[in-house]
N, C-alpha and C. Protein backbone atom coordinates (compact mmCIF):
# COMPACT_ATOMS: atom_id res chain seq x y z
N UNK A 1 80.75 115.96 119.86
CA UNK A 1 80.33 115.97 118.49
C UNK A 1 79.95 117.49 117.94
N UNK A 2 79.93 117.93 116.83
CA UNK A 2 79.48 119.21 116.46
C UNK A 2 78.18 119.10 116.02
N UNK A 3 77.72 120.21 115.37
CA UNK A 3 76.27 120.48 115.03
C UNK A 3 75.55 119.16 114.32
N UNK A 4 74.31 119.35 114.53
CA UNK A 4 73.61 118.26 113.84
C UNK A 4 73.82 118.29 112.09
N UNK A 5 74.16 117.16 111.54
CA UNK A 5 74.22 117.13 110.46
C UNK A 5 72.62 116.91 109.47
N UNK A 6 71.97 115.75 109.86
CA UNK A 6 70.62 115.49 109.19
C UNK A 6 69.55 116.28 110.17
N UNK A 7 69.64 116.74 111.43
CA UNK A 7 68.72 116.85 112.06
C UNK A 7 68.00 115.99 112.92
N UNK A 8 68.34 114.70 112.71
CA UNK A 8 68.13 113.63 113.58
C UNK A 8 69.25 113.32 114.31
N UNK A 9 69.22 113.41 115.59
CA UNK A 9 70.27 113.44 116.55
C UNK A 9 71.06 111.90 116.46
N UNK A 10 70.07 110.93 116.70
CA UNK A 10 70.36 109.60 117.07
C UNK A 10 71.09 109.02 115.74
N UNK A 11 70.60 109.47 114.60
CA UNK A 11 71.25 109.24 113.07
C UNK A 11 72.44 109.71 112.97
N UNK A 12 72.82 110.87 113.29
CA UNK A 12 74.01 111.61 113.21
C UNK A 12 75.14 110.94 114.24
N UNK A 13 74.74 110.74 115.46
CA UNK A 13 75.59 109.94 116.59
C UNK A 13 76.00 108.67 115.98
N UNK A 14 75.04 107.53 115.42
CA UNK A 14 75.16 106.50 114.77
C UNK A 14 76.32 106.59 113.68
N UNK A 15 75.92 107.68 112.69
CA UNK A 15 76.84 107.81 111.61
C UNK A 15 78.30 108.28 112.31
N UNK A 16 78.35 108.87 113.22
CA UNK A 16 79.60 109.39 113.60
C UNK A 16 80.57 108.43 114.23
N UNK A 17 79.62 107.60 114.95
CA UNK A 17 80.47 106.16 115.68
C UNK A 17 80.88 105.46 114.65
N UNK A 18 80.15 105.23 113.43
CA UNK A 18 80.56 104.35 112.32
C UNK A 18 81.82 104.90 111.64
N UNK A 19 82.05 106.29 111.63
CA UNK A 19 82.93 107.03 110.90
C UNK A 19 84.31 106.79 111.88
N UNK A 20 83.96 106.92 113.15
CA UNK A 20 85.33 106.73 114.14
C UNK A 20 85.72 105.20 113.79
N UNK A 21 84.85 104.37 113.76
CA UNK A 21 85.30 102.96 113.78
C UNK A 21 85.84 102.59 112.27
N UNK A 22 85.61 103.28 111.30
CA UNK A 22 86.18 103.19 109.97
C UNK A 22 87.62 103.35 109.99
N UNK A 23 88.07 104.16 111.02
CA UNK A 23 89.48 104.63 111.29
C UNK A 23 90.10 103.41 111.70
N UNK A 24 89.52 102.64 112.85
CA UNK A 24 90.20 101.40 113.59
C UNK A 24 89.26 100.96 114.45
N UNK A 25 89.49 100.02 114.90
CA UNK A 25 88.61 99.26 116.06
C UNK A 25 88.86 100.25 117.21
N UNK A 26 88.03 100.13 118.20
CA UNK A 26 88.21 101.07 119.59
C UNK A 26 87.39 100.38 120.76
N UNK A 27 88.20 100.48 121.71
CA UNK A 27 87.43 100.06 122.92
C UNK A 27 86.36 100.99 123.37
N UNK A 28 85.58 100.82 124.43
CA UNK A 28 84.52 101.85 124.66
C UNK A 28 85.33 103.25 125.15
N UNK A 29 86.21 103.09 125.90
CA UNK A 29 86.82 104.30 126.32
C UNK A 29 87.47 105.17 125.03
N UNK A 30 88.25 104.44 124.09
CA UNK A 30 88.47 105.13 122.80
C UNK A 30 87.42 105.81 122.22
N UNK A 31 86.27 104.96 122.07
CA UNK A 31 85.14 105.35 121.52
C UNK A 31 84.58 106.65 122.21
N UNK A 32 84.46 107.01 123.28
CA UNK A 32 84.10 108.07 124.15
C UNK A 32 85.20 109.14 123.63
N UNK A 33 86.29 109.07 123.73
CA UNK A 33 87.47 109.99 123.48
C UNK A 33 87.25 110.46 122.23
N UNK A 34 87.15 109.37 121.07
CA UNK A 34 86.96 109.98 119.86
C UNK A 34 85.63 110.80 119.11
N UNK A 35 84.69 110.11 119.87
CA UNK A 35 83.37 110.78 119.55
C UNK A 35 82.94 111.92 120.19
N UNK A 36 83.47 111.95 121.62
CA UNK A 36 82.98 113.16 122.60
C UNK A 36 81.69 112.76 123.04
N UNK A 37 81.12 111.66 123.08
CA UNK A 37 79.61 111.10 123.59
C UNK A 37 80.35 110.77 124.97
N UNK A 38 78.96 110.82 125.74
CA UNK A 38 79.29 110.18 127.15
C UNK A 38 79.62 108.65 127.06
N UNK A 39 79.88 108.22 128.00
CA UNK A 39 80.22 106.60 128.17
C UNK A 39 78.88 105.91 127.78
N UNK A 40 77.73 106.23 128.51
CA UNK A 40 76.36 105.75 128.30
C UNK A 40 76.07 105.62 127.07
N UNK A 41 76.03 106.94 126.26
CA UNK A 41 75.71 107.05 125.02
C UNK A 41 76.37 106.38 124.05
N UNK A 42 77.73 106.34 124.14
CA UNK A 42 78.48 105.40 123.04
C UNK A 42 78.44 103.98 123.35
N UNK A 43 78.30 103.51 124.49
CA UNK A 43 77.92 102.10 124.69
C UNK A 43 76.44 101.79 124.14
N UNK A 44 75.76 102.50 124.50
CA UNK A 44 74.27 102.20 123.88
C UNK A 44 74.20 102.26 122.46
N UNK A 45 74.61 103.01 121.74
CA UNK A 45 74.82 103.08 120.38
C UNK A 45 75.71 101.95 119.56
N UNK A 46 76.80 101.59 120.22
CA UNK A 46 77.65 100.58 119.87
C UNK A 46 76.88 99.14 120.04
N UNK A 47 76.22 99.03 121.11
CA UNK A 47 75.69 97.78 121.33
C UNK A 47 74.36 97.64 120.22
N UNK A 48 73.64 98.67 120.08
CA UNK A 48 72.63 98.65 119.34
C UNK A 48 72.95 98.32 117.80
N UNK A 49 73.93 99.03 117.34
CA UNK A 49 74.47 98.91 115.93
C UNK A 49 74.99 97.20 115.74
N UNK A 50 75.55 96.65 116.86
CA UNK A 50 76.09 95.36 117.10
C UNK A 50 74.83 94.43 116.80
N UNK A 51 73.97 94.78 117.64
CA UNK A 51 72.66 94.03 117.15
C UNK A 51 72.20 93.71 115.63
N UNK A 52 72.67 94.93 115.03
CA UNK A 52 72.00 95.01 113.42
C UNK A 52 73.39 94.58 112.75
N UNK A 53 74.33 94.10 113.27
CA UNK A 53 75.33 93.47 112.45
C UNK A 53 76.24 94.60 111.86
N UNK A 54 76.07 95.91 112.29
CA UNK A 54 76.85 97.04 111.73
C UNK A 54 78.06 97.26 112.51
N UNK A 55 78.19 96.80 113.87
CA UNK A 55 79.42 96.80 114.53
C UNK A 55 79.53 95.40 115.05
N UNK A 56 80.51 94.96 115.37
CA UNK A 56 81.02 93.76 115.94
C UNK A 56 82.19 93.91 116.95
N UNK A 57 82.58 92.83 117.77
CA UNK A 57 83.65 92.99 118.51
C UNK A 57 84.76 92.18 117.86
N UNK A 58 85.96 92.76 118.17
CA UNK A 58 86.90 91.91 117.46
C UNK A 58 87.56 91.04 118.67
N UNK A 59 88.96 90.42 118.38
CA UNK A 59 89.45 89.17 119.09
C UNK A 59 89.87 89.95 120.59
N UNK A 60 90.00 91.28 120.62
CA UNK A 60 90.52 91.83 121.80
C UNK A 60 89.11 92.58 122.38
N UNK A 61 88.06 92.42 122.02
CA UNK A 61 86.95 92.96 122.64
C UNK A 61 86.64 94.33 122.27
N UNK A 62 87.46 94.79 121.35
CA UNK A 62 87.19 96.31 120.93
C UNK A 62 85.97 96.34 119.86
N UNK A 63 85.27 97.22 119.70
CA UNK A 63 84.01 97.67 118.94
C UNK A 63 84.88 97.93 117.40
N UNK A 64 84.19 97.32 116.39
CA UNK A 64 84.73 97.21 115.00
C UNK A 64 83.77 97.28 113.99
N UNK A 65 83.88 97.74 112.83
CA UNK A 65 82.99 97.66 111.71
C UNK A 65 82.25 96.22 111.46
N UNK A 66 80.93 96.33 111.48
CA UNK A 66 80.37 94.89 111.17
C UNK A 66 80.38 94.25 109.92
N UNK A 67 80.35 92.93 109.78
CA UNK A 67 80.25 92.31 108.49
C UNK A 67 79.22 92.75 107.64
N UNK A 68 78.04 92.99 108.09
CA UNK A 68 76.96 93.27 107.49
C UNK A 68 77.31 94.28 106.32
N UNK A 69 78.14 95.37 106.97
CA UNK A 69 78.56 96.48 105.93
C UNK A 69 79.13 96.00 104.93
N UNK A 70 79.79 95.01 104.56
CA UNK A 70 80.20 94.25 103.54
C UNK A 70 79.22 93.88 102.41
N UNK A 71 78.06 93.25 102.90
CA UNK A 71 77.04 93.15 101.90
C UNK A 71 76.36 94.30 101.44
N UNK A 72 75.98 95.31 102.42
CA UNK A 72 75.48 96.55 101.99
C UNK A 72 76.40 97.36 101.11
N UNK A 73 77.52 97.40 101.22
CA UNK A 73 78.52 98.20 100.38
C UNK A 73 78.58 97.65 99.14
N UNK A 74 78.58 96.21 98.80
CA UNK A 74 78.50 95.53 97.76
C UNK A 74 77.12 95.94 96.96
N UNK A 75 76.07 95.60 97.56
CA UNK A 75 74.62 96.07 97.16
C UNK A 75 74.55 97.42 96.66
N UNK A 76 75.07 98.47 97.45
CA UNK A 76 75.16 99.80 97.00
C UNK A 76 75.85 100.04 95.77
N UNK A 77 77.05 99.13 95.65
CA UNK A 77 77.89 99.64 94.46
C UNK A 77 77.18 99.07 93.26
N UNK A 78 76.61 97.91 93.44
CA UNK A 78 75.95 97.16 92.40
C UNK A 78 74.69 98.04 91.84
N UNK A 79 74.26 98.94 92.75
CA UNK A 79 73.11 99.72 92.27
C UNK A 79 73.49 101.12 91.80
N UNK A 80 74.63 101.19 91.82
CA UNK A 80 75.08 102.50 91.05
C UNK A 80 75.27 102.25 89.71
N UNK A 81 74.51 103.15 88.79
CA UNK A 81 74.76 102.77 87.16
C UNK A 81 76.07 102.95 86.77
N UNK A 82 76.78 104.04 87.16
CA UNK A 82 78.14 104.18 86.70
C UNK A 82 79.33 103.04 87.02
N UNK A 83 79.01 102.55 88.27
CA UNK A 83 80.05 101.33 88.55
C UNK A 83 79.75 100.03 87.74
N UNK A 84 78.27 99.89 87.41
CA UNK A 84 78.16 98.94 86.56
C UNK A 84 78.55 98.95 85.03
N UNK A 85 78.40 100.14 84.63
CA UNK A 85 78.64 100.47 83.12
C UNK A 85 80.48 100.56 82.96
N UNK A 86 80.95 100.99 84.19
CA UNK A 86 82.41 100.84 84.09
C UNK A 86 83.03 99.63 84.26
N UNK A 87 82.50 98.47 84.78
CA UNK A 87 83.16 97.24 84.75
C UNK A 87 83.81 96.69 83.67
N UNK A 88 83.39 96.84 82.21
CA UNK A 88 84.02 96.03 81.16
C UNK A 88 85.33 97.01 80.88
N UNK A 89 85.17 98.12 81.14
CA UNK A 89 86.37 98.99 80.73
C UNK A 89 87.47 98.75 81.77
N UNK A 90 87.05 98.57 83.11
CA UNK A 90 87.96 98.36 84.26
C UNK A 90 88.93 97.21 84.17
N UNK A 91 88.06 96.01 83.71
CA UNK A 91 88.56 94.85 83.53
C UNK A 91 89.42 94.89 82.22
N UNK A 92 89.20 95.55 81.38
CA UNK A 92 90.28 95.51 80.20
C UNK A 92 91.59 96.17 80.64
N UNK A 93 91.21 97.45 81.54
CA UNK A 93 92.35 98.24 81.93
C UNK A 93 93.38 97.25 83.08
N UNK A 94 92.67 96.68 83.68
CA UNK A 94 93.45 95.67 84.59
C UNK A 94 94.08 94.70 83.99
N UNK A 95 93.57 94.16 82.69
CA UNK A 95 94.13 93.17 82.20
C UNK A 95 95.33 93.76 81.21
N UNK A 96 95.26 95.07 80.69
CA UNK A 96 96.20 95.49 79.88
C UNK A 96 97.41 96.10 80.77
N UNK A 97 97.26 96.54 81.92
CA UNK A 97 98.25 96.92 82.59
C UNK A 97 98.95 95.89 83.55
N UNK A 98 98.16 94.86 84.02
CA UNK A 98 98.51 93.88 85.04
C UNK A 98 98.58 94.52 86.61
N UNK A 99 97.93 95.73 86.63
CA UNK A 99 97.89 96.33 87.72
C UNK A 99 96.40 96.42 88.55
N UNK A 100 96.22 96.79 89.84
CA UNK A 100 94.82 96.87 90.35
C UNK A 100 94.17 98.32 89.81
N UNK A 101 92.86 98.31 89.37
CA UNK A 101 92.16 99.56 88.97
C UNK A 101 90.91 99.97 89.84
N UNK A 102 90.72 100.96 89.90
CA UNK A 102 89.70 101.70 90.71
C UNK A 102 88.95 102.80 89.98
N UNK A 103 87.42 102.83 90.69
CA UNK A 103 86.69 103.91 90.03
C UNK A 103 86.31 104.64 91.31
N UNK A 104 86.55 105.94 91.33
CA UNK A 104 86.09 106.86 92.61
C UNK A 104 85.22 107.92 92.26
N UNK A 105 84.23 108.16 93.25
CA UNK A 105 83.24 109.51 93.27
C UNK A 105 83.72 110.07 94.36
N UNK A 106 83.54 111.55 94.08
CA UNK A 106 83.59 112.33 95.20
C UNK A 106 82.49 112.46 96.07
N UNK A 107 82.46 112.69 97.50
CA UNK A 107 81.54 112.44 98.38
C UNK A 107 82.06 113.79 99.65
N UNK A 108 81.78 114.84 99.28
CA UNK A 108 82.06 115.89 100.34
C UNK A 108 83.75 116.03 100.34
N UNK A 109 84.52 115.75 101.32
CA UNK A 109 85.92 116.05 101.12
C UNK A 109 86.60 114.71 101.00
N UNK A 110 85.99 113.66 100.80
CA UNK A 110 86.44 112.33 100.55
C UNK A 110 86.41 111.76 99.14
N UNK A 111 87.00 110.74 98.61
CA UNK A 111 86.70 110.00 97.50
C UNK A 111 86.13 108.63 98.12
N UNK A 112 85.32 107.94 97.37
CA UNK A 112 84.63 106.65 97.88
C UNK A 112 85.15 105.75 96.49
N UNK A 113 85.73 104.64 96.60
CA UNK A 113 85.86 103.73 95.70
C UNK A 113 84.55 102.88 95.53
N UNK A 114 83.77 102.93 94.26
CA UNK A 114 82.55 102.38 94.08
C UNK A 114 82.86 101.00 93.08
N UNK A 115 84.12 100.84 92.53
CA UNK A 115 84.32 99.74 91.67
C UNK A 115 85.77 99.49 91.57
N UNK A 116 86.47 98.31 92.01
CA UNK A 116 87.89 98.06 92.07
C UNK A 116 88.04 96.57 91.58
N UNK A 117 88.95 96.36 90.88
CA UNK A 117 89.52 95.16 90.30
C UNK A 117 91.14 94.76 90.82
N UNK A 118 91.32 93.81 91.58
CA UNK A 118 92.71 93.61 91.87
C UNK A 118 93.63 92.92 90.68
N UNK A 119 94.92 93.37 90.79
CA UNK A 119 96.16 92.86 90.18
C UNK A 119 96.14 91.52 90.42
N UNK A 120 96.59 90.51 89.26
CA UNK A 120 96.95 89.18 89.42
C UNK A 120 98.25 88.96 90.17
N UNK A 121 98.97 89.85 90.48
CA UNK A 121 100.28 89.88 91.10
C UNK A 121 100.10 89.44 92.51
N UNK A 122 101.09 88.79 93.14
CA UNK A 122 101.03 88.88 94.69
C UNK A 122 101.12 89.93 95.44
N UNK A 123 102.02 90.78 95.03
CA UNK A 123 102.26 92.22 95.49
C UNK A 123 101.35 93.11 94.73
N UNK A 124 100.33 93.59 95.17
CA UNK A 124 99.40 94.38 94.42
C UNK A 124 98.92 95.56 95.40
N UNK A 125 98.01 96.49 94.88
CA UNK A 125 97.39 97.50 95.74
C UNK A 125 95.81 96.92 95.75
N UNK A 126 95.68 96.91 97.16
CA UNK A 126 94.19 96.63 97.57
C UNK A 126 93.57 97.72 98.07
N UNK A 127 92.42 98.29 97.25
CA UNK A 127 91.46 99.20 97.73
C UNK A 127 90.05 98.62 97.53
N UNK A 128 89.26 98.06 98.76
CA UNK A 128 88.12 97.60 98.64
C UNK A 128 87.05 98.49 98.28
N UNK A 129 85.84 97.97 97.52
CA UNK A 129 84.93 98.88 97.45
C UNK A 129 84.46 99.49 98.57
N UNK A 130 83.77 100.65 98.38
CA UNK A 130 83.19 101.24 99.58
C UNK A 130 84.50 102.16 100.37
N UNK A 131 85.73 101.85 100.20
CA UNK A 131 86.64 102.71 100.90
C UNK A 131 86.50 103.91 100.73
N UNK A 132 86.58 104.95 101.85
CA UNK A 132 86.61 106.21 101.66
C UNK A 132 87.82 106.82 102.06
N UNK A 133 88.39 107.51 101.05
CA UNK A 133 89.76 108.06 101.24
C UNK A 133 89.85 109.54 101.25
N UNK A 134 90.92 110.15 101.41
CA UNK A 134 90.91 111.87 101.67
C UNK A 134 91.14 112.15 100.16
N UNK A 135 90.76 113.45 99.88
CA UNK A 135 90.74 114.02 98.38
C UNK A 135 92.27 114.53 98.54
N UNK A 136 92.70 115.01 99.50
CA UNK A 136 94.18 115.62 99.56
C UNK A 136 95.16 114.86 99.21
N UNK A 137 95.30 113.63 99.13
CA UNK A 137 96.31 112.81 98.64
C UNK A 137 95.90 111.97 97.57
N UNK A 138 96.93 111.39 96.58
CA UNK A 138 96.60 110.40 95.70
C UNK A 138 96.11 110.95 94.05
N UNK A 139 96.52 110.59 93.00
CA UNK A 139 95.92 110.88 91.81
C UNK A 139 94.76 111.16 91.70
N UNK A 140 93.70 109.97 92.14
CA UNK A 140 92.38 110.44 92.10
C UNK A 140 91.89 111.51 92.67
N UNK A 141 92.33 111.77 94.07
CA UNK A 141 92.10 113.02 94.64
C UNK A 141 92.18 114.14 93.88
N UNK A 142 93.28 114.15 93.39
CA UNK A 142 93.70 115.41 92.28
C UNK A 142 92.77 115.63 91.51
N UNK A 143 92.46 114.43 90.82
CA UNK A 143 91.39 114.72 89.47
C UNK A 143 89.75 115.19 90.09
N UNK A 144 89.62 114.61 91.22
CA UNK A 144 88.26 114.87 91.88
C UNK A 144 88.05 116.38 92.47
N UNK A 145 89.49 116.56 92.91
CA UNK A 145 89.37 118.20 93.43
C UNK A 145 89.17 119.30 92.53
N UNK A 146 89.46 119.03 91.27
CA UNK A 146 89.08 120.00 90.20
C UNK A 146 87.60 119.99 89.91
N UNK A 147 87.13 121.19 89.54
CA UNK A 147 85.70 121.28 89.14
C UNK A 147 85.54 121.29 87.82
N UNK A 148 86.39 120.96 87.00
CA UNK A 148 86.14 120.76 85.47
C UNK A 148 87.39 119.94 85.11
N UNK A 149 86.86 119.68 83.75
CA UNK A 149 87.89 118.69 83.10
C UNK A 149 89.41 119.11 83.03
N UNK A 150 90.25 118.45 82.96
CA UNK A 150 91.63 118.77 83.31
C UNK A 150 92.21 119.78 82.39
N UNK A 151 92.96 120.84 82.71
CA UNK A 151 93.57 121.63 81.67
C UNK A 151 95.20 121.43 81.58
N UNK A 152 95.56 120.79 82.60
CA UNK A 152 97.01 120.35 82.97
C UNK A 152 97.68 118.77 82.16
N UNK A 153 96.56 118.40 81.29
CA UNK A 153 97.08 117.17 80.82
C UNK A 153 95.84 116.25 80.93
N UNK A 154 95.64 115.05 80.20
CA UNK A 154 94.54 114.26 80.38
C UNK A 154 94.56 113.07 81.59
N UNK A 155 95.78 113.18 82.28
CA UNK A 155 95.99 112.30 83.41
C UNK A 155 96.78 113.03 84.36
N UNK A 156 96.45 112.48 85.77
CA UNK A 156 97.60 112.82 86.66
C UNK A 156 97.93 111.92 87.65
N UNK A 157 99.05 112.03 88.19
CA UNK A 157 100.01 110.78 88.81
C UNK A 157 100.50 111.12 90.20
N UNK A 158 100.55 110.20 91.06
CA UNK A 158 101.03 110.40 92.35
C UNK A 158 102.01 109.25 92.97
N UNK A 159 103.02 109.63 93.65
CA UNK A 159 103.97 108.34 93.92
C UNK A 159 104.21 108.74 95.58
N UNK A 160 103.86 107.46 96.23
CA UNK A 160 103.95 107.42 97.48
C UNK A 160 103.15 108.59 98.30
N UNK A 161 102.12 109.11 97.92
CA UNK A 161 101.54 110.04 98.51
C UNK A 161 100.57 109.52 99.74
N UNK A 162 99.65 108.67 99.11
CA UNK A 162 98.74 107.99 99.95
C UNK A 162 99.29 106.84 101.02
N UNK A 163 100.35 106.14 100.35
CA UNK A 163 100.82 104.99 100.83
C UNK A 163 102.32 104.69 100.38
N UNK A 164 103.24 104.79 101.23
CA UNK A 164 104.65 104.55 100.78
C UNK A 164 104.75 103.17 100.00
N UNK A 165 105.48 103.57 98.85
CA UNK A 165 105.82 102.37 97.84
C UNK A 165 104.55 102.20 96.99
N UNK A 166 103.59 102.89 97.01
CA UNK A 166 102.76 103.02 95.97
C UNK A 166 102.67 104.07 95.04
N UNK A 167 102.31 103.76 93.65
CA UNK A 167 102.17 104.85 92.68
C UNK A 167 100.81 104.70 92.02
N UNK A 168 100.42 105.77 91.30
CA UNK A 168 99.11 105.68 90.70
C UNK A 168 98.96 106.66 89.67
N UNK A 169 98.14 106.33 88.79
CA UNK A 169 97.84 107.48 87.43
C UNK A 169 96.39 107.47 87.67
N UNK A 170 95.70 108.30 87.32
CA UNK A 170 94.16 108.60 87.15
C UNK A 170 93.74 109.60 86.10
N UNK A 171 92.56 109.35 85.83
CA UNK A 171 91.95 110.25 84.48
C UNK A 171 90.43 110.49 84.85
N UNK A 172 90.12 111.52 84.48
CA UNK A 172 88.46 112.03 84.82
C UNK A 172 87.49 111.19 83.95
N UNK A 173 86.53 110.82 84.48
CA UNK A 173 85.26 110.44 83.71
C UNK A 173 84.41 111.69 83.80
N UNK A 174 84.23 112.36 82.51
CA UNK A 174 83.66 113.52 82.41
C UNK A 174 82.22 113.47 82.10
N UNK A 175 81.26 114.05 82.61
CA UNK A 175 79.98 114.21 82.14
C UNK A 175 79.64 115.37 81.28
N UNK A 176 78.55 115.39 80.73
CA UNK A 176 78.15 116.19 79.65
C UNK A 176 78.40 117.61 79.94
N UNK A 177 78.21 118.20 81.08
CA UNK A 177 78.55 119.50 81.65
C UNK A 177 80.18 119.87 81.69
N UNK A 178 80.97 118.82 81.27
CA UNK A 178 82.48 118.88 81.27
C UNK A 178 82.98 118.94 82.60
N UNK A 179 82.49 118.40 83.57
CA UNK A 179 82.92 118.15 84.97
C UNK A 179 83.25 116.71 85.13
N UNK A 180 84.02 116.57 85.95
CA UNK A 180 84.54 115.10 86.41
C UNK A 180 83.54 114.53 87.46
N UNK A 181 82.94 113.41 86.85
CA UNK A 181 81.94 112.83 87.72
C UNK A 181 82.63 111.45 88.53
N UNK A 182 83.73 111.24 88.01
CA UNK A 182 84.71 110.23 88.77
C UNK A 182 85.85 110.17 88.25
N UNK A 183 86.82 109.36 88.96
CA UNK A 183 88.02 109.29 88.61
C UNK A 183 88.45 107.86 88.37
N UNK A 184 88.94 107.32 87.16
CA UNK A 184 89.69 106.00 87.29
C UNK A 184 90.90 105.93 87.26
N UNK A 185 91.45 104.93 87.90
CA UNK A 185 92.78 104.80 88.46
C UNK A 185 93.52 103.53 88.23
N UNK A 186 94.83 103.50 88.08
CA UNK A 186 95.51 102.40 88.21
C UNK A 186 96.57 102.61 89.10
N UNK A 187 96.77 101.60 89.93
CA UNK A 187 97.70 101.63 90.99
C UNK A 187 98.71 100.46 91.45
N UNK A 188 99.70 100.64 91.98
CA UNK A 188 100.58 99.35 92.09
C UNK A 188 101.94 99.75 92.63
N UNK A 189 102.61 98.65 92.98
CA UNK A 189 103.93 99.27 93.70
C UNK A 189 105.04 99.86 92.77
N UNK A 190 105.57 100.73 93.28
CA UNK A 190 106.53 101.69 92.52
C UNK A 190 107.58 100.72 91.88
N UNK A 191 108.10 99.58 92.50
CA UNK A 191 108.99 98.62 91.56
C UNK A 191 108.43 98.39 90.28
N UNK A 192 107.11 98.27 89.93
CA UNK A 192 106.51 97.78 88.71
C UNK A 192 106.14 99.09 88.08
N UNK A 193 105.45 100.19 88.83
CA UNK A 193 104.73 101.26 87.97
C UNK A 193 105.88 102.08 87.74
N UNK A 194 106.86 102.18 88.31
CA UNK A 194 107.95 103.07 88.04
C UNK A 194 107.68 104.50 88.92
N UNK A 195 108.52 105.48 89.18
CA UNK A 195 108.35 106.67 89.64
C UNK A 195 107.71 107.51 88.89
N UNK A 196 107.26 106.89 87.64
CA UNK A 196 106.45 107.92 86.50
C UNK A 196 105.50 107.14 86.09
N UNK A 197 104.54 106.87 86.76
CA UNK A 197 103.34 105.68 86.45
C UNK A 197 102.53 106.11 85.03
N UNK A 198 102.63 107.61 85.10
CA UNK A 198 101.63 108.35 83.91
C UNK A 198 102.34 107.97 82.52
N UNK A 199 103.62 108.01 82.72
CA UNK A 199 104.36 107.43 81.18
C UNK A 199 103.97 106.21 81.00
N UNK A 200 103.71 105.20 81.93
CA UNK A 200 103.58 103.75 81.40
C UNK A 200 102.16 103.43 81.19
N UNK A 201 101.27 104.23 82.14
CA UNK A 201 99.82 103.80 82.09
C UNK A 201 98.87 104.94 81.88
N UNK A 202 99.30 106.04 81.47
CA UNK A 202 98.62 107.51 81.28
C UNK A 202 97.34 106.98 80.25
N UNK A 203 98.14 106.83 78.78
CA UNK A 203 97.34 106.61 77.79
C UNK A 203 96.10 105.42 77.97
N UNK A 204 96.32 104.46 78.67
CA UNK A 204 95.63 103.52 79.03
C UNK A 204 94.35 103.77 79.98
N UNK A 205 94.74 104.72 80.93
CA UNK A 205 93.81 105.22 81.89
C UNK A 205 92.76 106.16 81.11
N UNK A 206 93.51 106.87 80.30
CA UNK A 206 92.72 107.95 79.69
C UNK A 206 91.71 107.22 78.69
N UNK A 207 92.04 106.32 77.84
CA UNK A 207 91.27 105.21 77.01
C UNK A 207 90.24 104.78 77.80
N UNK A 208 90.32 104.20 79.11
CA UNK A 208 89.32 103.53 79.81
C UNK A 208 88.30 104.58 80.32
N UNK A 209 88.77 105.59 80.73
CA UNK A 209 87.70 106.83 81.12
C UNK A 209 86.84 107.13 79.77
N UNK A 210 87.35 107.11 78.70
CA UNK A 210 86.60 107.44 77.64
C UNK A 210 85.43 106.46 77.24
N UNK A 211 86.01 105.14 77.48
CA UNK A 211 85.29 103.93 77.36
C UNK A 211 83.98 104.18 78.24
N UNK A 212 84.38 104.42 79.64
CA UNK A 212 83.25 104.40 80.77
C UNK A 212 82.24 105.37 80.40
N UNK A 213 82.73 106.70 79.85
CA UNK A 213 81.70 107.81 79.39
C UNK A 213 80.84 107.12 78.43
N UNK A 214 81.29 106.56 77.50
CA UNK A 214 80.38 106.00 76.49
C UNK A 214 79.57 105.04 76.86
N UNK A 215 79.90 104.09 77.77
CA UNK A 215 79.27 103.13 78.49
C UNK A 215 77.95 103.66 79.21
N UNK A 216 78.36 104.71 79.89
CA UNK A 216 77.46 105.19 80.84
C UNK A 216 76.58 106.30 80.33
N UNK A 217 76.66 106.51 78.91
CA UNK A 217 75.73 107.49 78.28
C UNK A 217 76.20 108.95 78.62
N UNK A 218 77.43 109.14 78.94
CA UNK A 218 77.90 110.45 79.41
C UNK A 218 78.62 111.16 78.23
N UNK A 219 78.99 110.55 77.17
CA UNK A 219 79.67 111.10 76.08
C UNK A 219 78.58 111.74 75.02
């Protein structure tokens, strides 16, 4: 593991272990390899986190993220004012487009989903609340990578960047200083969204972003 992030070593190590498990369940040996911790340290941390419900064992005995994180994630999202304010606009956007919708905020070099509603279709995009995704791919990542309101158009799209067969279009939720504080997205299978999702859903996504700004007191 690299240098300390918080200055509290055990917290940094526990966070590193959870980051690794976010990618995939791991055996103890795989945890050691992925984290760089000693076998004793990796085992001690994993077992301690397991006692708190933050880590569990899967059917193959590997360490995996614990179910308590689901409740913590929901509680955290519900206490983010922007997420609460956005829900009516997200519900309207989902109903208007028939596709899954998400709201992302930037966290370092990642984007985190703080609100999401799924499409009613059987074949749909599923991004759970709390999902942490790279900024480097996807239309929402493009929006959040920019430091100011877009100058290349009110929305951005992506086709098959993050996941094969999935397309998305996103617009910035802009704060009073003109910077993007979040990205609202519509995503779905290419067979419905087409390879030009912006043409189909761009105006609706932009309208939803403006509604969220008003509801959150940003406009």
